[in-house]
Amino acid sequence: FTAQLASAAVIIGAALLGGPVSTTQVVSSAIMGVGSAERLSKVRWGVAQEIVVAWILTIPATAIAAAIIYRLLAPLLVH
């Protein structure tokens, strides 16, 4: 319940401010936060690290993929 409440507060707050947020990232972070607040050993930190690395790599990876797709399709586009 606490993780859901924290997630809802962050998502609503961001929406009111007009900021984009990923609900998946908010919920994952809230679950890790609530778990670590109860006891640090409740969080599988190796998994948490993998999640954070995936978050960091997502933007550059999608930018590279978009650039490659654009390069492949650009000759087909009408200018």
C-alpha atoms as a PDB file:
ATOM      1  CA  PHE A   1       0.000   0.000   0.000  1.00  0.00           C
ATOM      2  CA  THR A   2       2.774   2.442   0.867  1.00  0.00           C
ATOM      3  CA  ALA A   3       4.552   1.941  -2.465  1.00  0.00           C
ATOM      4  CA  GLN A   4       1.292   2.513  -4.343  1.00  0.00           C
ATOM      5  CA  LEU A   5       0.576   5.673  -2.353  1.00  0.00           C
ATOM      6  CA  ALA A   6       4.079   7.036  -2.963  1.00  0.00           C
ATOM      7  CA  SER A   7       3.819   6.199  -6.673  1.00  0.00           C
ATOM      8  CA  ALA A   8       0.454   7.904  -6.977  1.00  0.00           C
ATOM      9  CA  ALA A   9       1.742  11.023  -5.208  1.00  0.00           C
ATOM     10  CA  VAL A  10       4.766  11.309  -7.504  1.00  0.00           C
ATOM     11  CA  ILE A  11       2.758  10.671 -10.677  1.00  0.00           C
ATOM     12  CA  ILE A  12       0.013  13.142  -9.720  1.00  0.00           C
ATOM     13  CA  GLY A  13       2.582  15.743  -8.675  1.00  0.00           C
ATOM     14  CA  ALA A  14       4.447  15.380 -11.953  1.00  0.00           C
ATOM     15  CA  ALA A  15       1.199  15.584 -13.911  1.00  0.00           C
ATOM     16  CA  LEU A  16       0.206  18.787 -12.120  1.00  0.00           C
ATOM     17  CA  LEU A  17       3.599  20.290 -12.955  1.00  0.00           C
ATOM     18  CA  GLY A  18       3.365  19.051 -16.545  1.00  0.00           C
ATOM     19  CA  GLY A  19       6.425  16.852 -16.211  1.00  0.00           C
ATOM     20  CA  PRO A  20       6.742  13.560 -18.034  1.00  0.00           C
ATOM     21  CA  VAL A  21       7.365  10.546 -15.822  1.00  0.00           C
ATOM     22  CA  SER A  22       7.574   6.842 -16.455  1.00  0.00           C
ATOM     23  CA  THR A  23       5.070   5.030 -14.275  1.00  0.00           C
ATOM     24  CA  THR A  24       7.218   1.907 -14.451  1.00  0.00           C
ATOM     25  CA  GLN A  25      10.222   3.766 -13.074  1.00  0.00           C
ATOM     26  CA  VAL A  26       8.158   5.482 -10.389  1.00  0.00           C
ATOM     27  CA  VAL A  27       6.601   2.230  -9.170  1.00  0.00           C
ATOM     28  CA  SER A  28       9.918   0.358  -9.257  1.00  0.00           C
ATOM     29  CA  SER A  29      11.622   3.126  -7.299  1.00  0.00           C
ATOM     30  CA  ALA A  30       8.789   3.289  -4.775  1.00  0.00           C
ATOM     31  CA  ILE A  31       8.935  -0.458  -4.174  1.00  0.00           C
ATOM     32  CA  MET A  32      12.708  -0.286  -3.664  1.00  0.00           C
ATOM     33  CA  GLY A  33      12.320   2.716  -1.363  1.00  0.00           C
ATOM     34  CA  VAL A  34       9.635   1.135   0.792  1.00  0.00           C
ATOM     35  CA  GLY A  35      11.545  -2.138   0.973  1.00  0.00           C
ATOM     36  CA  SER A  36      14.778  -0.437   1.994  1.00  0.00           C
ATOM     37  CA  ALA A  37      12.980   1.732   4.545  1.00  0.00           C
ATOM     38  CA  GLU A  38      11.719  -1.423   6.238  1.00  0.00           C
ATOM     39  CA  ARG A  39      15.033  -3.281   6.020  1.00  0.00           C
ATOM     40  CA  LEU A  40      17.919  -2.857   3.580  1.00  0.00           C
ATOM     41  CA  SER A  41      18.164  -6.604   3.091  1.00  0.00           C
ATOM     42  CA  LYS A  42      14.591  -6.671   1.742  1.00  0.00           C
ATOM     43  CA  VAL A  43      15.796  -5.176  -1.542  1.00  0.00           C
ATOM     44  CA  ARG A  44      17.719  -7.299  -4.015  1.00  0.00           C
ATOM     45  CA  TRP A  45      20.326  -4.657  -4.786  1.00  0.00           C
ATOM     46  CA  GLY A  46      21.818  -6.595  -7.683  1.00  0.00           C
ATOM     47  CA  VAL A  47      18.456  -6.540  -9.433  1.00  0.00           C
ATOM     48  CA  ALA A  48      17.999  -2.865  -8.515  1.00  0.00           C
ATOM     49  CA  GLN A  49      21.375  -2.089 -10.086  1.00  0.00           C
ATOM     50  CA  GLU A  50      20.387  -3.907 -13.289  1.00  0.00           C
ATOM     51  CA  ILE A  51      17.156  -1.893 -13.436  1.00  0.00           C
ATOM     52  CA  VAL A  52      18.996   1.419 -13.037  1.00  0.00           C
ATOM     53  CA  VAL A  53      21.576   0.471 -15.677  1.00  0.00           C
ATOM     54  CA  ALA A  54      18.734  -0.392 -18.060  1.00  0.00           C
ATOM     55  CA  TRP A  55      17.133   3.007 -17.380  1.00  0.00           C
ATOM     56  CA  ILE A  56      20.411   4.783 -18.126  1.00  0.00           C
ATOM     57  CA  LEU A  57      21.111   2.825 -21.322  1.00  0.00           C
ATOM     58  CA  THR A  58      17.586   3.105 -22.738  1.00  0.00           C
ATOM     59  CA  ILE A  59      17.834   6.681 -24.015  1.00  0.00           C
ATOM     60  CA  PRO A  60      21.160   6.393 -25.862  1.00  0.00           C
ATOM     61  CA  ALA A  61      20.227   2.959 -27.235  1.00  0.00           C
ATOM     62  CA  THR A  62      16.931   4.217 -28.645  1.00  0.00           C
ATOM     63  CA  ALA A  63      18.646   7.313 -30.065  1.00  0.00           C
ATOM     64  CA  ILE A  64      21.172   5.124 -31.874  1.00  0.00           C
ATOM     65  CA  ALA A  65      18.421   2.814 -33.146  1.00  0.00           C
ATOM     66  CA  ALA A  66      16.411   5.813 -34.386  1.00  0.00           C
ATOM     67  CA  ALA A  67      19.458   7.232 -36.177  1.00  0.00           C
ATOM     68  CA  ILE A  68      20.128   3.912 -37.902  1.00  0.00           C
ATOM     69  CA  ILE A  69      16.505   3.531 -38.970  1.00  0.00           C
ATOM     70  CA  TYR A  70      16.451   7.114 -40.238  1.00  0.00           C
ATOM     71  CA  ARG A  71      19.639   6.559 -42.245  1.00  0.00           C
ATOM     72  CA  LEU A  72      18.114   3.456 -43.805  1.00  0.00           C
ATOM     73  CA  LEU A  73      14.767   5.073 -44.596  1.00  0.00           C
ATOM     74  CA  ALA A  74      15.896   8.619 -45.488  1.00  0.00           C
ATOM     75  CA  PRO A  75      16.553   7.779 -49.155  1.00  0.00           C
ATOM     76  CA  LEU A  76      12.968   6.556 -49.443  1.00  0.00           C
ATOM     77  CA  LEU A  77      11.466   9.746 -48.010  1.00  0.00           C
ATOM     78  CA  VAL A  78      10.332  12.546 -50.304  1.00  0.00           C
ATOM     79  CA  HIS A  79      12.176  15.806 -49.629  1.00  0.00           C
END
